[in-house]
C-alpha atoms as a PDB file:
ATOM      1  CA  MET A   1     -35.781  62.152   6.683  1.00  0.00           C
ATOM      2  CA  LYS A   2     -37.865  64.149   4.228  1.00  0.00           C
ATOM      3  CA  SER A   3     -41.590  64.617   4.906  1.00  0.00           C
ATOM      4  CA  PHE A   4     -44.274  63.540   2.450  1.00  0.00           C
ATOM      5  CA  VAL A   5     -44.695  67.117   1.170  1.00  0.00           C
ATOM      6  CA  GLU A   6     -40.928  67.517   0.783  1.00  0.00           C
ATOM      7  CA  ARG A   7     -40.773  64.256  -1.160  1.00  0.00           C
ATOM      8  CA  GLU A   8     -43.433  65.476  -3.583  1.00  0.00           C
ATOM      9  CA  GLN A   9     -41.547  68.722  -4.102  1.00  0.00           C
ATOM     10  CA  LEU A  10     -38.273  66.877  -4.592  1.00  0.00           C
ATOM     11  CA  LEU A  11     -39.771  64.620  -7.234  1.00  0.00           C
ATOM     12  CA  ARG A  12     -41.270  67.590  -9.106  1.00  0.00           C
ATOM     13  CA  SER A  13     -37.910  69.341  -9.126  1.00  0.00           C
ATOM     14  CA  GLU A  14     -36.140  66.242 -10.503  1.00  0.00           C
ATOM     15  CA  ARG A  15     -38.463  65.305 -13.349  1.00  0.00           C
ATOM     16  CA  SER A  16     -35.552  65.448 -15.784  1.00  0.00           C
ATOM     17  CA  TYR A  17     -34.100  61.916 -16.053  1.00  0.00           C
ATOM     18  CA  ASN A  18     -30.645  63.230 -16.883  1.00  0.00           C
ATOM     19  CA  GLN A  19     -30.518  65.367 -13.722  1.00  0.00           C
ATOM     20  CA  THR A  20     -31.670  62.482 -11.578  1.00  0.00           C
ATOM     21  CA  GLU A  21     -29.205  60.069 -13.188  1.00  0.00           C
ATOM     22  CA  GLN A  22     -26.279  62.428 -12.655  1.00  0.00           C
ATOM     23  CA  MET A  23     -27.179  62.858  -8.999  1.00  0.00           C
ATOM     24  CA  LEU A  24     -27.273  59.087  -8.504  1.00  0.00           C
ATOM     25  CA  ILE A  25     -23.920  58.563 -10.168  1.00  0.00           C
ATOM     26  CA  GLN A  26     -22.377  61.049  -7.769  1.00  0.00           C
ATOM     27  CA  GLN A  27     -23.903  59.175  -4.831  1.00  0.00           C
ATOM     28  CA  GLY A  28     -22.842  55.779  -6.131  1.00  0.00           C
ATOM     29  CA  GLY A  29     -26.472  54.706  -6.452  1.00  0.00           C
ATOM     30  CA  TYR A  30     -28.673  52.915  -8.935  1.00  0.00           C
ATOM     31  CA  ILE A  31     -28.541  53.816 -12.621  1.00  0.00           C
ATOM     32  CA  SER A  32     -31.799  53.252 -14.474  1.00  0.00           C
ATOM     33  CA  PRO A  33     -31.658  51.129 -17.655  1.00  0.00           C
ATOM     34  CA  ASP A  34     -34.189  53.433 -19.352  1.00  0.00           C
ATOM     35  CA  ALA A  35     -35.545  56.953 -19.086  1.00  0.00           C
ATOM     36  CA  TYR A  36     -38.598  56.013 -17.043  1.00  0.00           C
ATOM     37  CA  LEU A  37     -38.007  53.200 -14.555  1.00  0.00           C
ATOM     38  CA  TRP A  38     -36.292  55.272 -11.856  1.00  0.00           C
ATOM     39  CA  GLU A  39     -38.741  58.177 -12.003  1.00  0.00           C
ATOM     40  CA  ASP A  40     -41.772  55.863 -12.099  1.00  0.00           C
ATOM     41  CA  VAL A  41     -40.587  54.010  -9.004  1.00  0.00           C
ATOM     42  CA  LEU A  42     -40.083  57.340  -7.219  1.00  0.00           C
ATOM     43  CA  LEU A  43     -43.559  58.464  -8.244  1.00  0.00           C
ATOM     44  CA  SER A  44     -45.100  55.243  -6.903  1.00  0.00           C
ATOM     45  CA  VAL A  45     -43.333  55.747  -3.575  1.00  0.00           C
ATOM     46  CA  VAL A  46     -44.593  59.334  -3.302  1.00  0.00           C
ATOM     47  CA  LEU A  47     -48.128  58.095  -4.061  1.00  0.00           C
ATOM     48  CA  LYS A  48     -47.742  55.524  -1.245  1.00  0.00           C
ATOM     49  CA  LYS A  49     -48.039  52.535  -3.577  1.00  0.00           C
ATOM     50  CA  PRO A  50     -46.216  49.379  -2.456  1.00  0.00           C
ATOM     51  CA  VAL A  51     -43.553  48.642  -5.071  1.00  0.00           C
ATOM     52  CA  LEU A  52     -42.633  45.184  -6.380  1.00  0.00           C
ATOM     53  CA  LEU A  53     -39.314  44.859  -8.222  1.00  0.00           C
ATOM     54  CA  LYS A  54     -39.023  41.811 -10.492  1.00  0.00           C
ATOM     55  CA  GLY A  55     -35.783  40.750 -12.091  1.00  0.00           C
ATOM     56  CA  PRO A  56     -32.914  38.255 -12.157  1.00  0.00           C
ATOM     57  CA  THR A  57     -30.360  38.099  -9.386  1.00  0.00           C
ATOM     58  CA  GLY A  58     -27.741  40.804  -9.620  1.00  0.00           C
ATOM     59  CA  SER A  59     -29.891  43.110 -11.781  1.00  0.00           C
ATOM     60  CA  GLY A  60     -29.819  45.858  -9.176  1.00  0.00           C
ATOM     61  CA  LYS A  61     -33.121  45.500  -7.299  1.00  0.00           C
ATOM     62  CA  THR A  62     -31.546  46.006  -3.874  1.00  0.00           C
ATOM     63  CA  LYS A  63     -29.406  48.865  -5.183  1.00  0.00           C
ATOM     64  CA  LEU A  64     -32.562  50.503  -6.535  1.00  0.00           C
ATOM     65  CA  ALA A  65     -34.249  50.256  -3.121  1.00  0.00           C
ATOM     66  CA  GLN A  66     -31.142  51.608  -1.397  1.00  0.00           C
ATOM     67  CA  SER A  67     -31.062  54.507  -3.849  1.00  0.00           C
ATOM     68  CA  VAL A  68     -34.704  55.359  -3.070  1.00  0.00           C
ATOM     69  CA  SER A  69     -33.718  55.390   0.601  1.00  0.00           C
ATOM     70  CA  GLU A  70     -30.804  57.719  -0.131  1.00  0.00           C
ATOM     71  CA  TYR A  71     -32.849  59.927  -2.447  1.00  0.00           C
ATOM     72  CA  PHE A  72     -35.516  60.636   0.179  1.00  0.00           C
ATOM     73  CA  LYS A  73     -33.073  60.467   3.143  1.00  0.00           C
ATOM     74  CA  GLN A  74     -35.358  57.766   4.508  1.00  0.00           C
ATOM     75  CA  PRO A  75     -33.923  54.890   6.606  1.00  0.00           C
ATOM     76  CA  MET A  76     -34.643  51.349   5.449  1.00  0.00           C
ATOM     77  CA  GLN A  77     -35.662  48.277   7.449  1.00  0.00           C
ATOM     78  CA  SER A  78     -34.910  45.013   5.642  1.00  0.00           C
ATOM     79  CA  VAL A  79     -36.549  41.591   5.730  1.00  0.00           C
ATOM     80  CA  ASN A  80     -34.795  38.683   3.989  1.00  0.00           C
ATOM     81  CA  CYS A  81     -37.423  36.071   3.231  1.00  0.00           C
ATOM     82  CA  SER A  82     -36.964  32.318   3.482  1.00  0.00           C
ATOM     83  CA  VAL A  83     -39.087  29.288   4.304  1.00  0.00           C
ATOM     84  CA  ASP A  84     -38.215  29.924   7.963  1.00  0.00           C
ATOM     85  CA  LEU A  85     -39.742  33.415   7.991  1.00  0.00           C
ATOM     86  CA  ASP A  86     -42.530  33.704  10.545  1.00  0.00           C
ATOM     87  CA  ALA A  87     -44.692  36.392  12.137  1.00  0.00           C
ATOM     88  CA  GLU A  88     -42.126  37.043  14.872  1.00  0.00           C
ATOM     89  CA  SER A  89     -39.435  37.725  12.259  1.00  0.00           C
ATOM     90  CA  LEU A  90     -41.713  40.368  10.738  1.00  0.00           C
ATOM     91  CA  LEU A  91     -43.442  41.928  13.719  1.00  0.00           C
ATOM     92  CA  GLY A  92     -41.224  41.220  16.728  1.00  0.00           C
ATOM     93  CA  PHE A  93     -41.263  38.997  19.779  1.00  0.00           C
ATOM     94  CA  LYS A  94     -41.809  38.990  23.524  1.00  0.00           C
ATOM     95  CA  THR A  95     -38.864  38.523  25.846  1.00  0.00           C
ATOM     96  CA  ILE A  96     -38.271  38.514  29.592  1.00  0.00           C
ATOM     97  CA  ILE A  97     -36.044  41.256  30.974  1.00  0.00           C
ATOM     98  CA  LEU A  98     -35.013  42.546  34.382  1.00  0.00           C
ATOM     99  CA  LYS A  99     -36.338  46.075  34.916  1.00  0.00           C
ATOM    100  CA  ASN A 100     -36.004  48.021  38.171  1.00  0.00           C
ATOM    101  CA  GLY A 101     -35.290  44.813  40.007  1.00  0.00           C
ATOM    102  CA  GLU A 102     -38.383  43.086  38.634  1.00  0.00           C
ATOM    103  CA  THR A 103     -38.837  40.500  35.908  1.00  0.00           C
ATOM    104  CA  VAL A 104     -41.095  41.841  33.181  1.00  0.00           C
ATOM    105  CA  ILE A 105     -42.176  40.788  29.707  1.00  0.00           C
ATOM    106  CA  GLU A 106     -41.250  43.262  27.004  1.00  0.00           C
ATOM    107  CA  PHE A 107     -42.066  43.290  23.302  1.00  0.00           C
ATOM    108  CA  VAL A 108     -39.105  43.785  20.946  1.00  0.00           C
ATOM    109  CA  GLU A 109     -40.404  45.422  17.781  1.00  0.00           C
ATOM    110  CA  GLY A 110     -39.555  43.798  14.447  1.00  0.00           C
ATOM    111  CA  PRO A 111     -38.795  45.521  11.124  1.00  0.00           C
ATOM    112  CA  VAL A 112     -42.426  45.877  10.009  1.00  0.00           C
ATOM    113  CA  VAL A 113     -43.557  47.535  13.236  1.00  0.00           C
ATOM    114  CA  GLN A 114     -40.510  49.800  13.388  1.00  0.00           C
ATOM    115  CA  ALA A 115     -40.882  50.898   9.767  1.00  0.00           C
ATOM    116  CA  MET A 116     -44.594  51.617  10.191  1.00  0.00           C
ATOM    117  CA  LYS A 117     -44.102  53.680  13.342  1.00  0.00           C
ATOM    118  CA  LYS A 118     -41.009  55.602  12.235  1.00  0.00           C
ATOM    119  CA  GLY A 119     -41.943  56.187   8.591  1.00  0.00           C
ATOM    120  CA  HIS A 120     -39.078  54.101   7.232  1.00  0.00           C
ATOM    121  CA  ILE A 121     -38.852  52.081   4.026  1.00  0.00           C
ATOM    122  CA  LEU A 122     -39.680  48.408   4.566  1.00  0.00           C
ATOM    123  CA  TYR A 123     -37.631  46.398   2.063  1.00  0.00           C
ATOM    124  CA  ILE A 124     -38.804  42.783   1.682  1.00  0.00           C
ATOM    125  CA  ASP A 125     -36.216  40.857  -0.300  1.00  0.00           C
ATOM    126  CA  GLU A 126     -37.099  37.662  -2.205  1.00  0.00           C
ATOM    127  CA  ILE A 127     -40.702  37.881  -1.022  1.00  0.00           C
ATOM    128  CA  ASN A 128     -41.630  34.765  -2.995  1.00  0.00           C
ATOM    129  CA  MET A 129     -39.232  32.685  -0.877  1.00  0.00           C
ATOM    130  CA  ALA A 130     -41.555  33.004   2.134  1.00  0.00           C
ATOM    131  CA  ARG A 131     -44.253  30.451   2.845  1.00  0.00           C
ATOM    132  CA  PRO A 132     -47.603  31.647   1.391  1.00  0.00           C
ATOM    133  CA  GLU A 133     -49.283  31.365   4.807  1.00  0.00           C
ATOM    134  CA  THR A 134     -46.816  33.785   6.430  1.00  0.00           C
ATOM    135  CA  LEU A 135     -47.463  36.950   4.414  1.00  0.00           C
ATOM    136  CA  PRO A 136     -51.263  37.500   4.659  1.00  0.00           C
ATOM    137  CA  ILE A 137     -50.562  39.223   7.966  1.00  0.00           C
ATOM    138  CA  LEU A 138     -49.282  42.119   5.847  1.00  0.00           C
ATOM    139  CA  HIS A 139     -52.393  42.509   3.666  1.00  0.00           C
ATOM    140  CA  SER A 140     -53.879  45.357   5.696  1.00  0.00           C
ATOM    141  CA  VAL A 141     -50.452  47.020   5.798  1.00  0.00           C
ATOM    142  CA  LEU A 142     -50.090  46.957   2.021  1.00  0.00           C
ATOM    143  CA  ASP A 143     -53.545  48.138   0.947  1.00  0.00           C
ATOM    144  CA  HIS A 144     -55.336  51.469   1.443  1.00  0.00           C
ATOM    145  CA  ARG A 145     -55.796  50.834   5.176  1.00  0.00           C
ATOM    146  CA  ARG A 146     -52.065  50.946   6.004  1.00  0.00           C
ATOM    147  CA  VAL A 147     -52.828  49.530   9.431  1.00  0.00           C
ATOM    148  CA  LEU A 148     -51.735  46.499  11.457  1.00  0.00           C
ATOM    149  CA  THR A 149     -53.189  44.854  14.539  1.00  0.00           C
ATOM    150  CA  ASN A 150     -50.224  43.276  16.286  1.00  0.00           C
ATOM    151  CA  PRO A 151     -51.319  39.730  17.262  1.00  0.00           C
ATOM    152  CA  PHE A 152     -48.654  39.593  19.977  1.00  0.00           C
ATOM    153  CA  THR A 153     -49.690  42.757  21.826  1.00  0.00           C
ATOM    154  CA  GLY A 154     -53.130  43.709  20.518  1.00  0.00           C
ATOM    155  CA  GLU A 155     -51.782  47.138  19.545  1.00  0.00           C
ATOM    156  CA  VAL A 156     -53.368  48.761  16.491  1.00  0.00           C
ATOM    157  CA  ILE A 157     -50.612  50.436  14.467  1.00  0.00           C
ATOM    158  CA  PHE A 158     -51.420  53.072  11.860  1.00  0.00           C
ATOM    159  CA  ALA A 159     -48.592  53.616   9.409  1.00  0.00           C
ATOM    160  CA  HIS A 160     -46.596  56.836   9.524  1.00  0.00           C
ATOM    161  CA  GLU A 161     -47.308  59.126   6.563  1.00  0.00           C
ATOM    162  CA  ASP A 162     -43.898  58.392   5.010  1.00  0.00           C
ATOM    163  CA  PHE A 163     -44.018  54.611   5.479  1.00  0.00           C
ATOM    164  CA  THR A 164     -43.028  52.877   2.231  1.00  0.00           C
ATOM    165  CA  VAL A 165     -42.899  49.217   1.155  1.00  0.00           C
ATOM    166  CA  ILE A 166     -40.550  47.950  -1.551  1.00  0.00           C
ATOM    167  CA  SER A 167     -40.344  44.224  -2.290  1.00  0.00           C
ATOM    168  CA  ALA A 168     -38.165  42.230  -4.659  1.00  0.00           C
ATOM    169  CA  ILE A 169     -38.528  38.828  -6.302  1.00  0.00           C
ATOM    170  CA  ASN A 170     -36.446  36.551  -8.506  1.00  0.00           C
ATOM    171  CA  GLU A 171     -39.048  34.764 -10.606  1.00  0.00           C
ATOM    172  CA  GLY A 172     -38.695  31.084 -11.428  1.00  0.00           C
ATOM    173  CA  TYR A 173     -35.796  30.357  -9.065  1.00  0.00           C
ATOM    174  CA  VAL A 174     -35.452  27.154  -7.044  1.00  0.00           C
ATOM    175  CA  GLY A 175     -37.203  27.519  -3.683  1.00  0.00           C
ATOM    176  CA  THR A 176     -39.575  30.231  -4.864  1.00  0.00           C
ATOM    177  CA  SER A 177     -43.325  29.941  -5.325  1.00  0.00           C
ATOM    178  CA  PRO A 178     -45.857  32.057  -7.228  1.00  0.00           C
ATOM    179  CA  MET A 179     -47.064  35.018  -5.185  1.00  0.00           C
ATOM    180  CA  ASN A 180     -50.551  34.813  -3.737  1.00  0.00           C
ATOM    181  CA  GLU A 181     -52.850  36.855  -6.007  1.00  0.00           C
ATOM    182  CA  ALA A 182     -54.271  38.798  -3.068  1.00  0.00           C
ATOM    183  CA  LEU A 183     -50.730  39.786  -2.102  1.00  0.00           C
ATOM    184  CA  LYS A 184     -49.541  40.530  -5.643  1.00  0.00           C
ATOM    185  CA  ASN A 185     -52.548  42.772  -6.328  1.00  0.00           C
ATOM    186  CA  ARG A 186     -51.475  45.109  -3.544  1.00  0.00           C
ATOM    187  CA  PHE A 187     -48.296  46.102  -5.407  1.00  0.00           C
ATOM    188  CA  VAL A 188     -47.434  48.058  -8.494  1.00  0.00           C
ATOM    189  CA  SER A 189     -44.880  45.965 -10.345  1.00  0.00           C
ATOM    190  CA  PHE A 190     -41.694  46.918 -12.185  1.00  0.00           C
ATOM    191  CA  SER A 191     -39.358  44.718 -14.229  1.00  0.00           C
ATOM    192  CA  VAL A 192     -35.701  45.437 -13.474  1.00  0.00           C
ATOM    193  CA  PRO A 193     -33.512  44.182 -16.338  1.00  0.00           C
ATOM    194  CA  TYR A 194     -29.762  43.784 -16.369  1.00  0.00           C
ATOM    195  CA  LEU A 195     -27.824  46.911 -17.223  1.00  0.00           C
ATOM    196  CA  SER A 196     -25.907  46.921 -20.490  1.00  0.00           C
ATOM    197  CA  GLY A 197     -24.145  49.296 -22.854  1.00  0.00           C
ATOM    198  CA  GLU A 198     -23.517  52.835 -21.657  1.00  0.00           C
ATOM    199  CA  GLU A 199     -25.448  52.375 -18.407  1.00  0.00           C
ATOM    200  CA  LEU A 200     -23.295  49.425 -17.386  1.00  0.00           C
ATOM    201  CA  LYS A 201     -20.162  51.320 -18.390  1.00  0.00           C
ATOM    202  CA  LYS A 202     -21.183  54.195 -16.091  1.00  0.00           C
ATOM    203  CA  VAL A 203     -21.617  51.758 -13.207  1.00  0.00           C
ATOM    204  CA  VAL A 204     -18.184  50.201 -13.793  1.00  0.00           C
ATOM    205  CA  MET A 205     -16.458  53.580 -14.146  1.00  0.00           C
ATOM    206  CA  ASN A 206     -18.188  54.901 -11.045  1.00  0.00           C
ATOM    207  CA  GLU A 207     -17.245  51.842  -9.011  1.00  0.00           C
ATOM    208  CA  PHE A 208     -13.642  51.757 -10.274  1.00  0.00           C
ATOM    209  CA  PRO A 209     -12.630  55.327 -11.239  1.00  0.00           C
ATOM    210  CA  ALA A 210      -8.949  54.390 -11.783  1.00  0.00           C
ATOM    211  CA  ILE A 211      -9.673  51.444 -14.088  1.00  0.00           C
ATOM    212  CA  SER A 212      -7.993  51.370 -17.510  1.00  0.00           C
ATOM    213  CA  SER A 213     -10.156  51.923 -20.582  1.00  0.00           C
ATOM    214  CA  GLN A 214      -8.871  48.670 -22.079  1.00  0.00           C
ATOM    215  CA  LEU A 215      -9.993  46.652 -19.061  1.00  0.00           C
ATOM    216  CA  VAL A 216     -13.392  48.360 -19.092  1.00  0.00           C
ATOM    217  CA  GLU A 217     -13.951  47.409 -22.731  1.00  0.00           C
ATOM    218  CA  THR A 218     -12.860  43.821 -22.092  1.00  0.00           C
ATOM    219  CA  ILE A 219     -15.184  43.449 -19.119  1.00  0.00           C
ATOM    220  CA  LEU A 220     -18.113  44.999 -20.988  1.00  0.00           C
ATOM    221  CA  ASN A 221     -17.571  42.728 -24.002  1.00  0.00           C
ATOM    222  CA  ILE A 222     -17.485  39.663 -21.767  1.00  0.00           C
ATOM    223  CA  GLY A 223     -20.577  40.864 -19.907  1.00  0.00           C
ATOM    224  CA  ASP A 224     -22.427  41.394 -23.184  1.00  0.00           C
ATOM    225  CA  ASP A 225     -21.557  37.882 -24.384  1.00  0.00           C
ATOM    226  CA  LEU A 226     -22.690  36.373 -21.092  1.00  0.00           C
ATOM    227  CA  LYS A 227     -25.996  38.234 -21.292  1.00  0.00           C
ATOM    228  CA  LYS A 228     -26.592  36.952 -24.835  1.00  0.00           C
ATOM    229  CA  GLN A 229     -26.003  33.366 -23.694  1.00  0.00           C
ATOM    230  CA  VAL A 230     -28.395  33.857 -20.779  1.00  0.00           C
ATOM    231  CA  MET A 231     -31.074  35.216 -23.104  1.00  0.00           C
ATOM    232  CA  SER A 232     -30.596  32.251 -25.438  1.00  0.00           C
ATOM    233  CA  GLY A 233     -31.039  29.838 -22.526  1.00  0.00           C
ATOM    234  CA  LEU A 234     -27.500  28.423 -22.569  1.00  0.00           C
ATOM    235  CA  LEU A 235     -26.525  29.992 -19.235  1.00  0.00           C
ATOM    236  CA  SER A 236     -28.447  30.545 -16.020  1.00  0.00           C
ATOM    237  CA  ASP A 237     -29.314  34.099 -14.962  1.00  0.00           C
ATOM    238  CA  ASP A 238     -26.534  34.168 -12.378  1.00  0.00           C
ATOM    239  CA  ALA A 239     -23.932  34.250 -15.158  1.00  0.00           C
ATOM    240  CA  ALA A 240     -25.050  37.729 -16.240  1.00  0.00           C
ATOM    241  CA  SER A 241     -25.303  39.215 -12.759  1.00  0.00           C
ATOM    242  CA  VAL A 242     -24.079  42.814 -12.676  1.00  0.00           C
ATOM    243  CA  ARG A 243     -22.990  42.258  -9.089  1.00  0.00           C
ATOM    244  CA  SER A 244     -20.776  39.348 -10.117  1.00  0.00           C
ATOM    245  CA  LEU A 245     -19.384  41.278 -13.073  1.00  0.00           C
ATOM    246  CA  LEU A 246     -18.367  44.109 -10.735  1.00  0.00           C
ATOM    247  CA  ASP A 247     -16.740  41.584  -8.415  1.00  0.00           C
ATOM    248  CA  ALA A 248     -14.792  40.238 -11.387  1.00  0.00           C
ATOM    249  CA  THR A 249     -13.782  43.760 -12.393  1.00  0.00           C
ATOM    250  CA  GLY A 250     -12.424  44.467  -8.930  1.00  0.00           C
ATOM    251  CA  LEU A 251     -10.346  41.302  -9.047  1.00  0.00           C
ATOM    252  CA  ALA A 252      -9.213  41.980 -12.619  1.00  0.00           C
ATOM    253  CA  GLU A 253      -7.513  45.193 -11.518  1.00  0.00           C
ATOM    254  CA  HIS A 254      -5.038  42.951  -9.645  1.00  0.00           C
ATOM    255  CA  ILE A 255      -5.043  39.555 -11.342  1.00  0.00           C
ATOM    256  CA  PRO A 256      -5.551  38.284 -14.938  1.00  0.00           C
ATOM    257  CA  VAL A 257      -9.084  38.695 -16.284  1.00  0.00           C
ATOM    258  CA  LYS A 258      -9.522  34.959 -16.873  1.00  0.00           C
ATOM    259  CA  ARG A 259      -8.944  34.125 -13.231  1.00  0.00           C
ATOM    260  CA  ALA A 260     -11.104  37.037 -12.114  1.00  0.00           C
ATOM    261  CA  ILE A 261     -14.064  35.814 -14.196  1.00  0.00           C
ATOM    262  CA  GLN A 262     -13.485  32.255 -13.047  1.00  0.00           C
ATOM    263  CA  TYR A 263     -13.610  33.174  -9.355  1.00  0.00           C
ATOM    264  CA  ALA A 264     -16.387  35.777  -9.495  1.00  0.00           C
ATOM    265  CA  ILE A 265     -18.709  34.162 -12.060  1.00  0.00           C
ATOM    266  CA  ALA A 266     -17.860  30.699 -13.413  1.00  0.00           C
ATOM    267  CA  GLU A 267     -17.185  28.918 -10.122  1.00  0.00           C
ATOM    268  CA  LYS A 268     -20.532  30.075  -8.709  1.00  0.00           C
ATOM    269  CA  LEU A 269     -22.452  28.178 -11.395  1.00  0.00           C
ATOM    270  CA  ASP A 270     -23.634  24.699 -10.469  1.00  0.00           C
ATOM    271  CA  ASP A 271     -23.492  23.217 -13.958  1.00  0.00           C
ATOM    272  CA  LYS A 272     -20.056  22.100 -15.172  1.00  0.00           C
ATOM    273  CA  ILE A 273     -21.007  22.708 -18.813  1.00  0.00           C
ATOM    274  CA  GLU A 274     -22.046  26.269 -17.997  1.00  0.00           C
ATOM    275  CA  ARG A 275     -18.757  26.913 -16.199  1.00  0.00           C
ATOM    276  CA  ARG A 276     -16.861  25.691 -19.244  1.00  0.00           C
ATOM    277  CA  LEU A 277     -18.964  27.878 -21.580  1.00  0.00           C
ATOM    278  CA  VAL A 278     -18.231  30.982 -19.502  1.00  0.00           C
ATOM    279  CA  MET A 279     -14.503  30.383 -19.693  1.00  0.00           C
ATOM    280  CA  GLU A 280     -14.688  29.709 -23.443  1.00  0.00           C
ATOM    281  CA  LEU A 281     -16.408  33.066 -23.908  1.00  0.00           C
ATOM    282  CA  VAL A 282     -13.700  34.763 -21.865  1.00  0.00           C
ATOM    283  CA  SER A 283     -11.029  33.145 -24.031  1.00  0.00           C
ATOM    284  CA  THR A 284     -12.409  34.918 -27.105  1.00  0.00           C
ATOM    285  CA  TRP A 285     -11.491  38.267 -25.498  1.00  0.00           C
ATOM    286  CA  VAL A 286      -8.351  37.517 -23.526  1.00  0.00           C
ATOM    287  CA  LYS A 287      -5.530  35.048 -24.030  1.00  0.00           C
END
């Protein structure tokens, strides 16, 4: 894992977007949709600013966080938020164990505590799925104090110099709620749009190096049409997910494109009309 000073030096040496992009392609990582997003996220991490990634499902938020982890050679602890998330899920829990023939109570550290102590990245996925009353425990972790008093043990934990927080949200989805202003104000926020055009083509080619050029063009045309329908409000965001499009591409190397799109995209949509629209769009590109 690179130290804070090493991370600063690394970022300075990679200020060229093209150099950074090429490195990520070789590692199979995130490809930025513009010339600034990737570098600005890296800069925020080096400056110890908690990062909030906003974007539709499948836009690459998790891939971006994983790429930051790979870039700095910094392990990542993950928290997947839900209405069932509680303090124990974040911080850890007490358990009874047998030690040297005696029964003792031991505290098992959760992802937040481990990340703070070891200088790891703490990745909080779908942070707006958690109950609003659960997350204030992280306020002192996310602001300038970077400290936590563990309510289960009384231990005061000061964050390691390299400790980093990256969170992700899907705005407006069922089951989500607006972020508490006190929590939101502790982050710097980045919008992560869907990839398209040449960037998406690079992702597809990197993921499937043996794919035919004809299949690539077909998949990209379908993906572009789906994105347009999402932007016009006729399809839900899930229909334009890059993740789903890559799943469809993988299937399409072995089965007809229509069936691949049906299984990887259309059938995952809840609305019957939307499923039909997806397949109609596919039919304009393949018979």
